[in-house]
Amino acid sequence: MGMMIPIDKYGFAIDGTWHTRYLTAWKKAFPNRPTEEAGRFEQSVWCSLTPEWDNWWFGNLGAKPPRLRTLR
């Protein structure tokens, strides 16, 4: 079985051990962009400059990107 992402009752990802694998995949997808642009939690808010890629990555794992999010 593949990686599982914990989700809330609405299907949105919640913080968990998946972030290391997310960051590894993000670095492969965006090798020339600074790591600071990758998605991350800041005080329970998901911050990302690549929301379309986040939708793709989480969707492939059966989840939606974290609910509280902003572009930063």
N, C-alpha and C. Protein backbone atom coordinates (compact mmCIF):
# COMPACT_ATOMS: atom_id res chain seq x y z
N MET A 1 0.85 -1.18 0.00
CA MET A 1 0.00 0.00 0.00
C MET A 1 0.90 1.24 0.00
N GLY A 2 0.47 2.29 -0.70
CA GLY A 2 1.23 3.54 -0.80
C GLY A 2 1.05 4.41 0.43
N MET A 3 1.61 5.57 0.34
CA MET A 3 1.52 6.53 1.43
C MET A 3 0.08 6.99 1.62
N MET A 4 -0.28 7.17 2.86
CA MET A 4 -1.61 7.68 3.19
C MET A 4 -1.44 9.05 3.84
N ILE A 5 -2.34 9.94 3.52
CA ILE A 5 -2.34 11.28 4.11
C ILE A 5 -3.53 11.38 5.04
N PRO A 6 -3.33 11.77 6.29
CA PRO A 6 -4.48 11.95 7.18
C PRO A 6 -5.33 13.13 6.69
N ILE A 7 -6.63 12.93 6.71
CA ILE A 7 -7.56 13.96 6.23
C ILE A 7 -8.63 14.24 7.28
N ASP A 8 -9.24 15.43 7.17
CA ASP A 8 -10.37 15.74 8.04
C ASP A 8 -11.64 15.14 7.42
N LYS A 9 -12.77 15.36 8.03
CA LYS A 9 -14.00 14.73 7.55
C LYS A 9 -14.45 15.24 6.18
N TYR A 10 -13.84 16.31 5.69
CA TYR A 10 -14.18 16.86 4.38
C TYR A 10 -13.17 16.50 3.30
N GLY A 11 -12.14 15.73 3.66
CA GLY A 11 -11.14 15.30 2.69
C GLY A 11 -9.92 16.18 2.57
N PHE A 12 -9.81 17.20 3.41
CA PHE A 12 -8.66 18.09 3.38
C PHE A 12 -7.51 17.48 4.20
N ALA A 13 -6.29 17.56 3.67
CA ALA A 13 -5.13 17.03 4.38
C ALA A 13 -4.90 17.77 5.68
N ILE A 14 -4.48 17.03 6.67
CA ILE A 14 -4.06 17.63 7.93
C ILE A 14 -2.58 17.31 8.12
N ASP A 15 -1.92 18.06 8.96
CA ASP A 15 -0.48 17.90 9.15
C ASP A 15 -0.15 16.46 9.53
N GLY A 16 0.97 16.01 9.03
CA GLY A 16 1.40 14.65 9.34
C GLY A 16 2.78 14.37 8.80
N THR A 17 3.14 13.10 8.80
CA THR A 17 4.47 12.69 8.37
C THR A 17 4.64 12.75 6.86
N TRP A 18 3.59 13.05 6.12
CA TRP A 18 3.66 13.12 4.67
C TRP A 18 4.50 14.30 4.17
N HIS A 19 4.74 15.31 4.99
CA HIS A 19 5.40 16.52 4.51
C HIS A 19 6.80 16.26 3.96
N THR A 20 7.54 15.31 4.52
CA THR A 20 8.88 14.99 4.02
C THR A 20 8.79 14.48 2.58
N ARG A 21 7.81 13.62 2.31
CA ARG A 21 7.65 13.10 0.95
C ARG A 21 7.14 14.18 0.00
N TYR A 22 6.30 15.06 0.49
CA TYR A 22 5.84 16.20 -0.31
C TYR A 22 7.04 17.03 -0.73
N LEU A 23 7.91 17.37 0.23
CA LEU A 23 9.06 18.22 -0.06
C LEU A 23 10.01 17.55 -1.05
N THR A 24 10.22 16.26 -0.93
CA THR A 24 11.07 15.52 -1.87
C THR A 24 10.50 15.59 -3.27
N ALA A 25 9.20 15.37 -3.42
CA ALA A 25 8.54 15.43 -4.72
C ALA A 25 8.57 16.85 -5.27
N TRP A 26 8.36 17.83 -4.40
CA TRP A 26 8.36 19.24 -4.83
C TRP A 26 9.72 19.63 -5.39
N LYS A 27 10.80 19.21 -4.70
CA LYS A 27 12.15 19.53 -5.16
C LYS A 27 12.44 18.93 -6.53
N LYS A 28 11.91 17.73 -6.79
CA LYS A 28 12.08 17.10 -8.11
C LYS A 28 11.28 17.86 -9.17
N ALA A 29 10.10 18.32 -8.82
CA ALA A 29 9.24 19.03 -9.78
C ALA A 29 9.75 20.44 -10.06
N PHE A 30 10.37 21.06 -9.10
CA PHE A 30 10.84 22.45 -9.21
C PHE A 30 12.31 22.56 -8.80
N PRO A 31 13.22 21.92 -9.53
CA PRO A 31 14.62 21.87 -9.09
C PRO A 31 15.32 23.23 -9.05
N ASN A 32 14.82 24.21 -9.78
CA ASN A 32 15.49 25.52 -9.82
C ASN A 32 14.83 26.57 -8.94
N ARG A 33 13.83 26.18 -8.19
CA ARG A 33 13.15 27.15 -7.32
C ARG A 33 13.63 26.97 -5.88
N PRO A 34 13.69 28.06 -5.12
CA PRO A 34 14.14 27.93 -3.73
C PRO A 34 13.14 27.12 -2.90
N THR A 35 13.67 26.33 -1.99
CA THR A 35 12.84 25.47 -1.14
C THR A 35 11.83 26.28 -0.34
N GLU A 36 12.12 27.54 -0.06
CA GLU A 36 11.21 28.37 0.72
C GLU A 36 9.86 28.55 0.02
N GLU A 37 9.80 28.28 -1.29
CA GLU A 37 8.54 28.41 -2.02
C GLU A 37 7.67 27.16 -1.92
N ALA A 38 8.23 26.07 -1.40
CA ALA A 38 7.46 24.84 -1.26
C ALA A 38 6.38 25.03 -0.20
N GLY A 39 5.32 24.24 -0.30
CA GLY A 39 4.24 24.31 0.68
C GLY A 39 4.74 23.97 2.08
N ARG A 40 4.16 24.65 3.06
CA ARG A 40 4.54 24.42 4.45
C ARG A 40 3.44 24.99 5.36
N PHE A 41 3.41 24.48 6.56
CA PHE A 41 2.49 25.01 7.55
C PHE A 41 3.15 26.15 8.31
N GLU A 42 2.42 27.24 8.45
CA GLU A 42 2.82 28.35 9.31
C GLU A 42 1.64 28.64 10.23
N GLN A 43 1.79 28.29 11.50
CA GLN A 43 0.72 28.48 12.48
C GLN A 43 -0.60 27.90 11.99
N SER A 44 -0.60 26.65 11.58
CA SER A 44 -1.78 25.90 11.13
C SER A 44 -2.35 26.37 9.80
N VAL A 45 -1.65 27.25 9.08
CA VAL A 45 -2.10 27.71 7.76
C VAL A 45 -1.12 27.16 6.73
N TRP A 46 -1.65 26.51 5.68
CA TRP A 46 -0.81 25.97 4.61
C TRP A 46 -0.44 27.11 3.68
N CYS A 47 0.86 27.33 3.52
CA CYS A 47 1.37 28.41 2.68
C CYS A 47 2.10 27.78 1.49
N SER A 48 1.77 28.21 0.28
CA SER A 48 2.38 27.63 -0.90
C SER A 48 2.33 28.61 -2.05
N LEU A 49 3.36 28.59 -2.88
CA LEU A 49 3.38 29.39 -4.10
C LEU A 49 3.08 28.53 -5.33
N THR A 50 2.75 27.27 -5.11
CA THR A 50 2.44 26.36 -6.22
C THR A 50 1.11 25.62 -5.97
N PRO A 51 0.01 26.37 -5.88
CA PRO A 51 -1.27 25.73 -5.54
C PRO A 51 -1.75 24.71 -6.57
N GLU A 52 -1.48 24.92 -7.86
CA GLU A 52 -1.92 23.95 -8.86
C GLU A 52 -1.19 22.63 -8.68
N TRP A 53 0.12 22.72 -8.43
CA TRP A 53 0.90 21.50 -8.21
C TRP A 53 0.44 20.82 -6.92
N ASP A 54 0.17 21.59 -5.89
CA ASP A 54 -0.34 21.02 -4.64
C ASP A 54 -1.62 20.25 -4.89
N ASN A 55 -2.55 20.83 -5.66
CA ASN A 55 -3.80 20.13 -5.98
C ASN A 55 -3.51 18.80 -6.65
N TRP A 56 -2.57 18.79 -7.59
CA TRP A 56 -2.21 17.56 -8.29
C TRP A 56 -1.61 16.54 -7.32
N TRP A 57 -0.63 16.98 -6.52
CA TRP A 57 0.08 16.05 -5.63
C TRP A 57 -0.87 15.44 -4.60
N PHE A 58 -1.63 16.27 -3.90
CA PHE A 58 -2.55 15.75 -2.90
C PHE A 58 -3.64 14.90 -3.56
N GLY A 59 -4.15 15.36 -4.71
CA GLY A 59 -5.20 14.62 -5.40
C GLY A 59 -4.77 13.22 -5.79
N ASN A 60 -3.52 13.06 -6.20
CA ASN A 60 -3.01 11.72 -6.53
C ASN A 60 -2.95 10.80 -5.33
N LEU A 61 -3.00 11.36 -4.15
CA LEU A 61 -2.97 10.57 -2.93
C LEU A 61 -4.33 10.54 -2.24
N GLY A 62 -5.35 10.99 -2.95
CA GLY A 62 -6.71 10.89 -2.43
C GLY A 62 -7.09 11.94 -1.41
N ALA A 63 -6.42 13.08 -1.45
CA ALA A 63 -6.73 14.14 -0.48
C ALA A 63 -6.80 15.49 -1.20
N LYS A 64 -7.36 16.45 -0.52
CA LYS A 64 -7.33 17.84 -0.98
C LYS A 64 -6.21 18.54 -0.21
N PRO A 65 -5.63 19.61 -0.78
CA PRO A 65 -4.62 20.34 -0.01
C PRO A 65 -5.22 20.83 1.30
N PRO A 66 -4.38 21.10 2.30
CA PRO A 66 -4.91 21.57 3.59
C PRO A 66 -5.91 22.71 3.43
N ARG A 67 -6.93 22.69 4.27
CA ARG A 67 -8.06 23.61 4.18
C ARG A 67 -7.66 25.07 4.32
N LEU A 68 -7.01 25.45 5.38
CA LEU A 68 -6.62 26.85 5.59
C LEU A 68 -5.34 27.06 4.81
N ARG A 69 -5.42 27.86 3.74
CA ARG A 69 -4.23 28.06 2.93
C ARG A 69 -4.16 29.47 2.36
N THR A 70 -2.94 29.85 2.04
CA THR A 70 -2.69 31.17 1.49
C THR A 70 -1.52 31.07 0.53
N LEU A 71 -1.40 32.03 -0.35
CA LEU A 71 -0.26 32.09 -1.25
C LEU A 71 0.81 32.95 -0.60
N ARG A 72 1.92 32.34 -0.25
CA ARG A 72 3.05 33.06 0.35
C ARG A 72 4.32 32.43 -0.12
